């Protein structure tokens, strides 16, 4: 019977059955997603025991002569239209395609909110063997897709997100390093009042970057002016309103620099600052994260922290392939990018 480890302890199906008060056969049916073999109440009790005990079925191994990854499902939580436009998702998809080709891996794309509704049913439909594994890109914080895949023993890697229940399968940019690098750059230029333009609280990278920024404020001792808002929106108009509010603070409280959670919100900050009569970077310095936008087409060349999409995608594909090999050990990987200095930063006037 398969088993899993958590903190070094092996958890067997027999133990799951004992804790849940059911037979090992019932646990086997749930692990293999055999719908109708057990009642819904029994299924939920078994899944609860599995989560609490840290049980994760190992990835299914093909016969020795077939042990390779040929078809991978790539979940991109955005619209097909968005994928045709320059930005994070397009860059990451391009990078995944390039990283997959040398291994003769074919991709099946899942876009939009397909796995956000009736997740278990969708996994049962699409993860029935037609996909050898899954690459999950920028899932929402509350997504249960990683948990359901883990319960089925389906190999997967999370790119740009983390799971509340499944640890050790994330490949992402080092958000702490990104934010710290940008803050230090602003501090080196003399800024002591720096605000953070936050993203939605359901986007993992926004949450991570917001946390890292406020840790920097505590560690480095600079002022971090705050106004309410920006916790649950992707609406550019609301980002613009937040920027206007933060820049309307009295002169002694108004930030002299803004760290934006991504380049899109950084460019909105630049536009809104100019709209109310401030000059960038003379009156306000602005920096972003990702360095994916074509800044040659923008009104300003934005200082940004590069998102190493190529390295992240390559690492994710290798990590997925390694799950089919004996002795696989899960572990999160965080990849550092680089500061790209342009013209949106200057020393403050005061």
Protein backbone atom coordinates (compact mmCIF):
# COMPACT_ATOMS: atom_id res chain seq x y z
CA UNK A 1 0.00 0.00 0.00
CA UNK A 2 1.29 3.53 -0.66
CA UNK A 3 2.46 5.68 2.16
CA UNK A 4 3.63 9.22 2.70
CA UNK A 5 5.96 11.06 5.00
CA UNK A 6 5.56 14.17 7.10
CA UNK A 7 8.35 15.40 9.36
CA UNK A 8 10.10 12.08 8.77
CA UNK A 9 7.18 9.89 9.95
CA UNK A 10 5.67 7.33 7.59
CA UNK A 11 1.88 7.33 7.38
CA UNK A 12 0.22 4.21 5.98
CA UNK A 13 -3.26 3.52 4.67
CA UNK A 14 -3.74 1.27 7.70
CA UNK A 15 -3.17 4.23 10.04
CA UNK A 16 -5.49 6.45 8.02
CA UNK A 17 -8.15 3.75 8.26
CA UNK A 18 -7.68 3.45 12.03
CA UNK A 19 -7.96 7.19 12.64
CA UNK A 20 -10.96 7.55 10.33
CA UNK A 21 -12.64 4.45 11.76
CA UNK A 22 -13.01 2.73 8.39
CA UNK A 23 -11.55 -0.20 6.50
CA UNK A 24 -8.35 -0.05 4.47
CA UNK A 25 -10.45 -0.84 1.42
CA UNK A 26 -12.46 2.32 1.97
CA UNK A 27 -9.24 4.36 2.18
CA UNK A 28 -8.02 2.70 -1.03
CA UNK A 29 -11.22 3.69 -2.82
CA UNK A 30 -10.85 7.32 -1.72
CA UNK A 31 -7.14 7.52 -2.61
CA UNK A 32 -7.94 6.21 -6.09
CA UNK A 33 -11.00 8.45 -6.38
CA UNK A 34 -13.43 5.56 -6.92
CA UNK A 35 -16.65 7.49 -6.67
CA UNK A 36 -19.66 5.58 -5.37
CA UNK A 37 -17.67 2.96 -3.46
CA UNK A 38 -18.00 4.84 -0.16
CA UNK A 39 -20.53 7.36 1.15
CA UNK A 40 -19.81 11.08 0.96
CA UNK A 41 -19.60 11.30 4.77
CA UNK A 42 -17.06 8.47 4.86
CA UNK A 43 -15.07 10.07 2.05
CA UNK A 44 -14.89 13.41 3.87
CA UNK A 45 -13.84 11.67 7.11
CA UNK A 46 -11.04 9.84 5.31
CA UNK A 47 -9.85 13.01 3.52
CA UNK A 48 -9.85 14.89 6.84
CA UNK A 49 -7.68 12.18 8.42
CA UNK A 50 -5.32 12.24 5.43
CA UNK A 51 -4.87 16.01 5.69
CA UNK A 52 -4.38 16.05 9.44
CA UNK A 53 -1.84 13.20 9.32
CA UNK A 54 0.04 14.61 6.33
CA UNK A 55 -0.73 11.68 4.06
CA UNK A 56 0.19 12.23 0.41
CA UNK A 57 0.13 9.23 -1.96
CA UNK A 58 3.37 8.95 -3.91
CA UNK A 59 3.26 9.76 -7.62
CA UNK A 60 2.15 6.82 -9.71
CA UNK A 61 5.08 5.10 -11.41
CA UNK A 62 4.77 3.84 -14.94
CA UNK A 63 6.33 0.52 -15.92
CA UNK A 64 10.10 0.81 -16.12
CA UNK A 65 10.15 0.95 -19.91
CA UNK A 66 7.53 3.73 -19.95
CA UNK A 67 8.78 5.88 -17.07
CA UNK A 68 8.78 9.27 -18.75
CA UNK A 69 6.65 12.39 -18.91
CA UNK A 70 5.01 12.81 -22.30
CA UNK A 71 1.87 14.91 -21.79
CA UNK A 72 1.63 17.62 -19.12
CA UNK A 73 -1.41 19.66 -18.20
CA UNK A 74 -0.57 23.36 -17.84
CA UNK A 75 -3.11 25.30 -15.77
CA UNK A 76 -3.02 29.05 -16.49
CA UNK A 77 -5.53 30.94 -14.37
CA UNK A 78 -6.25 33.62 -16.94
CA UNK A 79 -8.27 34.04 -20.12
CA UNK A 80 -7.11 32.90 -23.53
CA UNK A 81 -7.32 36.53 -24.64
CA UNK A 82 -4.90 37.55 -21.87
CA UNK A 83 -2.45 34.88 -23.03
CA UNK A 84 -2.15 36.60 -26.39
CA UNK A 85 -1.01 39.85 -24.74
CA UNK A 86 2.44 40.67 -23.31
CA UNK A 87 2.64 40.04 -19.58
CA UNK A 88 3.35 37.48 -16.88
CA UNK A 89 1.15 34.65 -18.19
CA UNK A 90 2.34 34.98 -21.77
CA UNK A 91 5.98 35.07 -20.69
CA UNK A 92 5.57 32.08 -18.38
CA UNK A 93 3.74 30.04 -21.03
CA UNK A 94 6.45 30.80 -23.59
CA UNK A 95 9.09 29.76 -21.04
CA UNK A 96 7.26 26.51 -20.19
CA UNK A 97 6.98 25.64 -23.88
CA UNK A 98 10.70 26.20 -24.40
CA UNK A 99 11.58 24.22 -21.25
CA UNK A 100 9.32 21.31 -22.28
CA UNK A 101 10.45 20.87 -25.88
CA UNK A 102 13.92 19.37 -25.18
CA UNK A 103 12.20 16.59 -23.21
CA UNK A 104 9.62 15.92 -25.94
CA UNK A 105 6.84 16.97 -23.56
CA UNK A 106 3.51 17.99 -25.08
CA UNK A 107 1.35 20.49 -23.22
CA UNK A 108 -2.40 20.48 -22.72
CA UNK A 109 -3.50 24.02 -21.77
CA UNK A 110 -6.25 24.72 -19.27
CA UNK A 111 -7.13 28.42 -19.12
CA UNK A 112 -9.55 30.60 -17.19
CA UNK A 113 -11.39 29.32 -14.13
CA UNK A 114 -11.85 25.72 -15.29
CA UNK A 115 -10.45 24.17 -12.11
CA UNK A 116 -11.95 26.79 -9.77
CA UNK A 117 -15.48 25.38 -10.04
CA UNK A 118 -16.27 21.73 -9.21
CA UNK A 119 -12.56 21.09 -8.80
CA UNK A 120 -12.90 17.41 -7.87
CA UNK A 121 -15.08 16.68 -10.89
CA UNK A 122 -12.71 18.52 -13.24
CA UNK A 123 -9.69 16.66 -11.84
CA UNK A 124 -11.54 13.36 -12.26
CA UNK A 125 -12.30 14.28 -15.88
CA UNK A 126 -8.91 15.63 -16.97
CA UNK A 127 -6.44 13.86 -14.67
CA UNK A 128 -7.49 10.32 -15.51
CA UNK A 129 -4.20 9.35 -17.11
CA UNK A 130 -4.30 11.54 -20.20
CA UNK A 131 -1.94 13.99 -18.39
CA UNK A 132 1.16 12.49 -16.80
CA UNK A 133 1.47 15.49 -14.47
CA UNK A 134 0.33 19.07 -13.97
CA UNK A 135 2.01 22.49 -13.92
CA UNK A 136 -0.15 24.92 -11.91
CA UNK A 137 0.61 28.57 -12.64
CA UNK A 138 -0.42 31.42 -10.31
CA UNK A 139 -3.29 29.69 -8.52
CA UNK A 140 -5.44 31.70 -6.15
CA UNK A 141 -4.53 31.48 -2.47
CA UNK A 142 -7.69 29.51 -1.68
CA UNK A 143 -7.42 26.97 -4.51
CA UNK A 144 -7.89 23.35 -3.42
CA UNK A 145 -6.50 21.97 -6.67
CA UNK A 146 -3.06 21.04 -5.20
CA UNK A 147 -4.73 19.20 -2.31
CA UNK A 148 -6.99 17.21 -4.61
CA UNK A 149 -4.12 16.30 -6.93
CA UNK A 150 -2.02 15.22 -3.94
CA UNK A 151 -4.86 13.06 -2.64
CA UNK A 152 -4.99 11.33 -6.05
CA UNK A 153 -1.23 10.90 -6.27
CA UNK A 154 -1.02 13.04 -9.43
CA UNK A 155 2.45 14.60 -9.89
CA UNK A 156 2.31 18.39 -10.01
CA UNK A 157 4.33 21.56 -9.54
CA UNK A 158 3.03 24.97 -8.44
CA UNK A 159 4.55 27.96 -10.23
CA UNK A 160 4.12 31.35 -8.56
CA UNK A 161 1.83 30.12 -5.79
CA UNK A 162 1.66 28.00 -2.66
CA UNK A 163 -0.89 25.66 -1.11
CA UNK A 164 -2.36 25.89 2.37
CA UNK A 165 -2.25 22.09 2.72
CA UNK A 166 0.47 20.77 0.41
CA UNK A 167 4.05 21.94 0.91
CA UNK A 168 7.18 21.18 -1.04
CA UNK A 169 5.96 21.54 -4.63
CA UNK A 170 6.45 25.26 -5.31
CA UNK A 171 8.81 26.88 -7.81
CA UNK A 172 8.67 30.66 -7.61
CA UNK A 173 10.57 33.90 -7.77
CA UNK A 174 12.23 34.77 -4.45
CA UNK A 175 9.74 37.47 -3.44
CA UNK A 176 11.66 38.36 -0.28
CA UNK A 177 14.82 38.99 -2.28
CA UNK A 178 12.88 40.97 -4.89
CA UNK A 179 11.27 43.36 -2.41
CA UNK A 180 14.39 43.69 -0.25
CA UNK A 181 16.52 44.48 -3.31
CA UNK A 182 14.12 47.24 -4.43
CA UNK A 183 13.83 48.73 -0.94
CA UNK A 184 17.60 48.81 -0.50
CA UNK A 185 17.94 50.50 -3.88
CA UNK A 186 15.52 53.24 -2.78
CA UNK A 187 17.23 53.60 0.61
CA UNK A 188 20.60 53.91 -1.12
CA UNK A 189 19.10 56.78 -3.12
CA UNK A 190 18.12 58.56 0.09
CA UNK A 191 14.43 57.68 0.42
CA UNK A 192 13.04 57.31 3.95
CA UNK A 193 9.28 57.44 3.29
CA UNK A 194 8.32 54.51 1.06
CA UNK A 195 4.85 53.07 0.43
CA UNK A 196 3.83 49.71 -1.00
CA UNK A 197 1.19 49.52 -3.75
CA UNK A 198 -0.40 46.19 -2.87
CA UNK A 199 -2.18 43.65 -5.03
CA UNK A 200 -5.23 41.46 -4.32
CA UNK A 201 -5.13 39.28 -1.24
CA UNK A 202 -6.12 36.22 -3.29
CA UNK A 203 -2.93 36.39 -5.39
CA UNK A 204 -0.09 34.59 -3.54
CA UNK A 205 2.72 36.75 -4.96
CA UNK A 206 0.93 39.93 -3.85
CA UNK A 207 0.55 38.55 -0.34
CA UNK A 208 4.20 37.48 -0.21
CA UNK A 209 5.49 40.80 -1.49
CA UNK A 210 3.32 42.81 0.88
CA UNK A 211 4.59 40.80 3.84
CA UNK A 212 8.20 41.18 2.71
CA UNK A 213 7.83 44.95 2.33
CA UNK A 214 6.52 45.45 5.86
CA UNK A 215 9.30 43.23 7.22
CA UNK A 216 11.75 45.55 5.44
CA UNK A 217 10.08 48.57 7.05
CA UNK A 218 10.55 47.02 10.48
CA UNK A 219 14.10 45.85 9.83
CA UNK A 220 15.40 49.02 8.13
CA UNK A 221 13.38 51.54 10.12
CA UNK A 222 11.95 53.70 7.32
CA UNK A 223 8.47 55.24 7.32
CA UNK A 224 5.85 53.29 5.36
CA UNK A 225 2.81 55.59 4.86
CA UNK A 226 -0.44 53.63 4.54
CA UNK A 227 -3.97 54.40 3.34
CA UNK A 228 -6.76 51.77 3.30
CA UNK A 229 -7.64 49.87 0.16
CA UNK A 230 -6.09 47.61 -2.48
CA UNK A 231 -6.71 44.40 -0.55
CA UNK A 232 -9.09 42.64 -2.93
CA UNK A 233 -8.94 44.25 -6.34
CA UNK A 234 -7.28 43.83 -9.71
CA UNK A 235 -9.08 46.90 -11.05
CA UNK A 236 -6.60 49.45 -12.46
CA UNK A 237 -9.07 52.27 -11.65
CA UNK A 238 -8.97 51.34 -7.96
CA UNK A 239 -5.17 51.17 -8.04
CA UNK A 240 -5.19 54.69 -9.45
CA UNK A 241 -7.52 55.85 -6.67
CA UNK A 242 -5.19 54.36 -4.05
CA UNK A 243 -2.21 56.15 -5.57
CA UNK A 244 -4.10 59.44 -5.54
CA UNK A 245 -4.99 58.97 -1.85
CA UNK A 246 -1.45 58.10 -0.79
CA UNK A 247 0.00 61.03 -2.74
CA UNK A 248 -2.57 63.42 -1.22
CA UNK A 249 -1.06 63.02 2.26
CA UNK A 250 0.59 66.14 3.73
CA UNK A 251 4.11 66.86 2.51
CA UNK A 252 5.78 65.49 5.64
CA UNK A 253 3.82 62.24 5.39
CA UNK A 254 3.59 61.73 1.65
CA UNK A 255 5.91 58.97 0.41
CA UNK A 256 8.83 59.97 -1.77
CA UNK A 257 8.89 56.51 -3.34
CA UNK A 258 6.51 53.64 -4.13
CA UNK A 259 7.29 49.96 -4.42
CA UNK A 260 4.54 48.40 -6.55
CA UNK A 261 3.71 44.70 -6.30
CA UNK A 262 4.04 44.35 -10.08
CA UNK A 263 4.93 46.44 -13.11
CA UNK A 264 1.33 47.06 -14.13
CA UNK A 265 0.50 48.77 -10.84
CA UNK A 266 3.84 50.61 -10.96
CA UNK A 267 2.97 52.15 -14.33
CA UNK A 268 -0.46 53.15 -12.99
CA UNK A 269 1.31 54.86 -10.08
CA UNK A 270 3.48 56.79 -12.54
CA UNK A 271 0.47 57.84 -14.62
CA UNK A 272 -1.56 58.91 -11.59
CA UNK A 273 1.34 60.87 -10.09
CA UNK A 274 1.74 62.80 -13.31
CA UNK A 275 -2.03 63.35 -13.50
CA UNK A 276 -1.99 65.22 -10.19
CA UNK A 277 1.02 67.29 -11.16
CA UNK A 278 3.95 65.31 -9.75
CA UNK A 279 7.02 64.52 -11.78
CA UNK A 280 8.58 61.03 -11.88
CA UNK A 281 11.28 60.57 -10.69
CA UNK A 282 11.91 64.16 -9.51
CA UNK A 283 8.93 64.26 -7.09
CA UNK A 284 8.28 60.54 -6.76
CA UNK A 285 10.36 57.45 -7.44
CA UNK A 286 8.53 54.27 -8.54
CA UNK A 287 9.76 50.69 -8.87
CA UNK A 288 7.99 47.48 -9.93
CA UNK A 289 8.49 43.73 -9.97
CA UNK A 290 8.59 41.28 -12.92
CA UNK A 291 10.34 43.33 -15.67
CA UNK A 292 8.10 41.74 -18.28
CA UNK A 293 6.46 44.83 -19.79
CA UNK A 294 7.96 46.31 -22.97
CA UNK A 295 9.01 49.58 -21.37
CA UNK A 296 10.23 50.99 -24.67
CA UNK A 297 6.53 51.52 -25.48
CA UNK A 298 5.76 53.21 -22.16
CA UNK A 299 6.04 56.85 -21.10
CA UNK A 300 8.83 55.99 -18.67
CA UNK A 301 11.58 53.39 -18.46
CA UNK A 302 10.66 51.72 -15.16
CA UNK A 303 13.18 50.36 -12.68
CA UNK A 304 12.08 46.81 -11.94
CA UNK A 305 13.13 43.46 -10.48
CA UNK A 306 13.32 40.83 -13.20
CA UNK A 307 11.15 37.72 -13.08
CA UNK A 308 13.46 34.88 -14.22
CA UNK A 309 10.67 33.05 -16.09
CA UNK A 310 13.04 30.91 -18.14
CA UNK A 311 14.86 29.55 -15.10
CA UNK A 312 11.61 29.06 -13.16
CA UNK A 313 10.00 27.13 -16.04
CA UNK A 314 13.09 24.97 -16.60
CA UNK A 315 13.26 24.15 -12.88
CA UNK A 316 9.54 23.35 -12.77
CA UNK A 317 9.73 20.92 -15.69
CA UNK A 318 12.75 19.15 -14.18
CA UNK A 319 11.03 19.01 -10.80
CA UNK A 320 7.94 17.42 -12.35
CA UNK A 321 10.03 14.85 -14.21
CA UNK A 322 11.92 13.96 -11.03
CA UNK A 323 8.66 12.91 -9.35
CA UNK A 324 8.63 9.83 -11.60
CA UNK A 325 12.02 8.69 -10.33
CA UNK A 326 12.72 6.56 -7.22
CA UNK A 327 13.82 8.51 -4.17
CA UNK A 328 12.01 11.74 -5.05
CA UNK A 329 11.96 14.25 -2.20
CA UNK A 330 9.65 17.31 -2.32
CA UNK A 331 11.03 20.77 -1.59
CA UNK A 332 10.25 24.36 -2.47
CA UNK A 333 12.61 26.25 -4.79
CA UNK A 334 12.82 30.05 -4.92
CA UNK A 335 14.75 31.63 -7.78
CA UNK A 336 16.44 35.03 -7.53
CA UNK A 337 16.17 37.64 -10.26
CA UNK A 338 18.08 40.89 -10.73
CA UNK A 339 17.52 44.61 -10.26
CA UNK A 340 17.16 46.37 -13.61
CA UNK A 341 17.88 50.07 -13.11
CA UNK A 342 16.21 52.58 -15.39
CA UNK A 343 15.02 56.15 -15.12
CA UNK A 344 12.16 55.98 -12.58
CA UNK A 345 14.33 56.44 -9.48
CA UNK A 346 16.09 59.58 -8.25
CA UNK A 347 17.03 60.99 -4.82
CA UNK A 348 14.13 62.74 -3.01
CA UNK A 349 13.97 66.52 -2.97
CA UNK A 350 13.58 66.77 0.82
